[in-house]
Amino acid sequence: FQKQVCNDIGRRLTVLEDAWAQGKLSAPVRKRMSLLVQELQQQHWDTADEIHRSLMVDHVNEVSQWMVGVKRLIAETRDLPTGETDSSADTETTAEPTTEPAAEPGQEE
């Protein structure tokens, strides 16, 4: 993707990472974000997008600062050729939601 898009996604995911590390995210948000990461790892873009939308509807105040970055990440990685995402999906197995999404944009620069 374009460098500006990567930088925007990175900034927003940093907000997510900080909120996660500081314990500011509720259990339902953490659980759904873990599920979203698993779907991204498996390249299930539609399911990841559904999880994203449900978080925006059910927890808008909690996720609004960083969820746009997650949405853009889903959209940008969905548009990549299949071979571009295969290696990261096969090798990244962490359950930490901030690790996997943040790794994707950096790999594509």
C-alpha atoms as a PDB file:
ATOM      1  CA  PHE A   1       0.000   0.000   0.000  1.00  0.00           C
ATOM      2  CA  GLN A   2       0.955   3.620  -0.038  1.00  0.00           C
ATOM      3  CA  LYS A   3       3.273   4.777   2.707  1.00  0.00           C
ATOM      4  CA  GLN A   4       0.706   7.301   3.991  1.00  0.00           C
ATOM      5  CA  VAL A   5      -1.917   4.565   4.374  1.00  0.00           C
ATOM      6  CA  CYS A   6       0.583   2.367   6.237  1.00  0.00           C
ATOM      7  CA  ASN A   7       1.524   5.234   8.535  1.00  0.00           C
ATOM      8  CA  ASP A   8      -2.131   5.988   9.305  1.00  0.00           C
ATOM      9  CA  ILE A   9      -2.873   2.335  10.052  1.00  0.00           C
ATOM     10  CA  GLY A  10       0.261   2.135  12.205  1.00  0.00           C
ATOM     11  CA  ARG A  11      -0.685   5.216  14.242  1.00  0.00           C
ATOM     12  CA  ARG A  12      -4.173   3.886  14.903  1.00  0.00           C
ATOM     13  CA  LEU A  13      -2.896   0.420  15.815  1.00  0.00           C
ATOM     14  CA  THR A  14      -0.470   2.050  18.246  1.00  0.00           C
ATOM     15  CA  VAL A  15      -3.489   3.579  20.008  1.00  0.00           C
ATOM     16  CA  LEU A  16      -5.024   0.084  20.161  1.00  0.00           C
ATOM     17  CA  GLU A  17      -1.767  -1.395  21.443  1.00  0.00           C
ATOM     18  CA  ASP A  18      -1.488   1.237  24.178  1.00  0.00           C
ATOM     19  CA  ALA A  19      -5.110   0.774  25.281  1.00  0.00           C
ATOM     20  CA  TRP A  20      -4.630  -3.016  25.357  1.00  0.00           C
ATOM     21  CA  ALA A  21      -1.372  -2.796  27.333  1.00  0.00           C
ATOM     22  CA  GLN A  22      -2.869  -0.357  29.837  1.00  0.00           C
ATOM     23  CA  GLY A  23      -5.889  -2.577  30.441  1.00  0.00           C
ATOM     24  CA  LYS A  24      -8.307   0.010  29.061  1.00  0.00           C
ATOM     25  CA  LEU A  25     -10.195  -2.428  26.826  1.00  0.00           C
ATOM     26  CA  SER A  26     -13.159  -4.381  28.133  1.00  0.00           C
ATOM     27  CA  ALA A  27     -13.176  -8.169  28.052  1.00  0.00           C
ATOM     28  CA  PRO A  28     -15.712  -8.342  25.184  1.00  0.00           C
ATOM     29  CA  VAL A  29     -13.576  -6.024  23.037  1.00  0.00           C
ATOM     30  CA  ARG A  30     -10.396  -7.988  23.788  1.00  0.00           C
ATOM     31  CA  LYS A  31     -12.162 -11.251  22.967  1.00  0.00           C
ATOM     32  CA  ARG A  32     -13.563  -9.984  19.665  1.00  0.00           C
ATOM     33  CA  MET A  33     -10.213  -8.475  18.698  1.00  0.00           C
ATOM     34  CA  SER A  34      -8.551 -11.839  19.333  1.00  0.00           C
ATOM     35  CA  LEU A  35     -11.135 -13.445  17.058  1.00  0.00           C
ATOM     36  CA  LEU A  36     -10.569 -10.733  14.460  1.00  0.00           C
ATOM     37  CA  VAL A  37      -6.813 -11.442  14.482  1.00  0.00           C
ATOM     38  CA  GLN A  38      -7.470 -15.151  13.946  1.00  0.00           C
ATOM     39  CA  GLU A  39      -9.698 -14.366  10.977  1.00  0.00           C
ATOM     40  CA  LEU A  40      -7.049 -12.059   9.508  1.00  0.00           C
ATOM     41  CA  GLN A  41      -4.410 -14.766   9.929  1.00  0.00           C
ATOM     42  CA  GLN A  42      -6.645 -17.189   8.039  1.00  0.00           C
ATOM     43  CA  GLN A  43      -7.433 -14.548   5.402  1.00  0.00           C
ATOM     44  CA  HIS A  44     -11.158 -14.694   6.182  1.00  0.00           C
ATOM     45  CA  TRP A  45     -11.695 -11.076   5.180  1.00  0.00           C
ATOM     46  CA  ASP A  46     -15.513 -11.100   5.281  1.00  0.00           C
ATOM     47  CA  THR A  47     -15.613 -12.580   8.776  1.00  0.00           C
ATOM     48  CA  ALA A  48     -12.966 -10.114   9.998  1.00  0.00           C
ATOM     49  CA  ASP A  49     -15.043  -7.295   8.513  1.00  0.00           C
ATOM     50  CA  GLU A  50     -18.176  -8.566  10.289  1.00  0.00           C
ATOM     51  CA  ILE A  51     -16.306  -8.613  13.618  1.00  0.00           C
ATOM     52  CA  HIS A  52     -15.069  -5.086  12.917  1.00  0.00           C
ATOM     53  CA  ARG A  53     -18.611  -3.873  12.252  1.00  0.00           C
ATOM     54  CA  SER A  54     -19.993  -5.542  15.372  1.00  0.00           C
ATOM     55  CA  LEU A  55     -17.340  -3.834  17.485  1.00  0.00           C
ATOM     56  CA  MET A  56     -18.200  -0.464  15.945  1.00  0.00           C
ATOM     57  CA  VAL A  57     -21.901  -0.960  16.682  1.00  0.00           C
ATOM     58  CA  ASP A  58     -21.635  -2.478  20.155  1.00  0.00           C
ATOM     59  CA  HIS A  59     -18.586  -0.634  21.541  1.00  0.00           C
ATOM     60  CA  VAL A  60     -18.280   2.567  19.504  1.00  0.00           C
ATOM     61  CA  ASN A  61     -17.005   4.736  22.375  1.00  0.00           C
ATOM     62  CA  GLU A  62     -14.307   2.240  23.251  1.00  0.00           C
ATOM     63  CA  VAL A  63     -13.021   1.461  19.752  1.00  0.00           C
ATOM     64  CA  SER A  64     -13.641   4.606  17.688  1.00  0.00           C
ATOM     65  CA  GLN A  65     -10.096   6.009  17.982  1.00  0.00           C
ATOM     66  CA  TRP A  66      -8.386   2.985  16.458  1.00  0.00           C
ATOM     67  CA  MET A  67     -11.001   0.883  14.663  1.00  0.00           C
ATOM     68  CA  VAL A  68     -10.657   2.905  11.445  1.00  0.00           C
ATOM     69  CA  GLY A  69      -7.084   1.583  11.265  1.00  0.00           C
ATOM     70  CA  VAL A  70      -8.333  -1.991  11.632  1.00  0.00           C
ATOM     71  CA  LYS A  71     -10.927  -1.392   8.916  1.00  0.00           C
ATOM     72  CA  ARG A  72      -8.283  -0.026   6.557  1.00  0.00           C
ATOM     73  CA  LEU A  73      -5.979  -2.929   7.377  1.00  0.00           C
ATOM     74  CA  ILE A  74      -8.706  -5.412   6.444  1.00  0.00           C
ATOM     75  CA  ALA A  75      -9.497  -3.539   3.228  1.00  0.00           C
ATOM     76  CA  GLU A  76      -5.863  -3.171   2.160  1.00  0.00           C
ATOM     77  CA  THR A  77      -4.830  -6.755   2.911  1.00  0.00           C
ATOM     78  CA  ARG A  78      -7.951  -8.097   1.210  1.00  0.00           C
ATOM     79  CA  ASP A  79      -6.855  -6.341  -1.991  1.00  0.00           C
ATOM     80  CA  LEU A  80      -3.331  -7.802  -1.959  1.00  0.00           C
ATOM     81  CA  PRO A  81      -2.493 -10.681  -4.295  1.00  0.00           C
ATOM     82  CA  THR A  82      -2.881 -14.003  -2.445  1.00  0.00           C
ATOM     83  CA  GLY A  83       0.855 -14.745  -2.373  1.00  0.00           C
ATOM     84  CA  GLU A  84       1.546 -11.450  -0.619  1.00  0.00           C
ATOM     85  CA  THR A  85      -0.258 -12.543   2.567  1.00  0.00           C
ATOM     86  CA  ASP A  86       0.310 -16.324   2.595  1.00  0.00           C
ATOM     87  CA  SER A  87       3.699 -16.291   4.310  1.00  0.00           C
ATOM     88  CA  SER A  88       2.661 -13.988   7.145  1.00  0.00           C
ATOM     89  CA  ALA A  89      -0.551 -15.918   7.757  1.00  0.00           C
ATOM     90  CA  ASP A  90       1.356 -19.191   7.960  1.00  0.00           C
ATOM     91  CA  THR A  91       4.215 -17.984  10.153  1.00  0.00           C
ATOM     92  CA  GLU A  92       2.515 -15.582  12.583  1.00  0.00           C
ATOM     93  CA  THR A  93       0.708 -17.477  15.319  1.00  0.00           C
ATOM     94  CA  THR A  94       0.588 -14.994  18.175  1.00  0.00           C
ATOM     95  CA  ALA A  95      -2.744 -14.427  19.865  1.00  0.00           C
ATOM     96  CA  GLU A  96      -1.855 -10.840  20.793  1.00  0.00           C
ATOM     97  CA  PRO A  97      -4.150  -8.733  18.624  1.00  0.00           C
ATOM     98  CA  THR A  98      -1.777  -5.813  18.339  1.00  0.00           C
ATOM     99  CA  THR A  99       1.092  -7.930  17.024  1.00  0.00           C
ATOM    100  CA  GLU A 100      -0.450  -9.466  13.923  1.00  0.00           C
ATOM    101  CA  PRO A 101      -2.286  -6.459  12.472  1.00  0.00           C
ATOM    102  CA  ALA A 102       0.707  -4.197  13.032  1.00  0.00           C
ATOM    103  CA  ALA A 103       2.979  -6.681  11.258  1.00  0.00           C
ATOM    104  CA  GLU A 104       0.943  -6.718   8.061  1.00  0.00           C
ATOM    105  CA  PRO A 105       1.421  -3.100   6.904  1.00  0.00           C
ATOM    106  CA  GLY A 106       5.154  -3.071   7.580  1.00  0.00           C
ATOM    107  CA  GLN A 107       5.661  -6.158   5.448  1.00  0.00           C
ATOM    108  CA  GLU A 108       4.072  -4.511   2.432  1.00  0.00           C
ATOM    109  CA  GLU A 109       6.100  -1.284   2.314  1.00  0.00           C
END
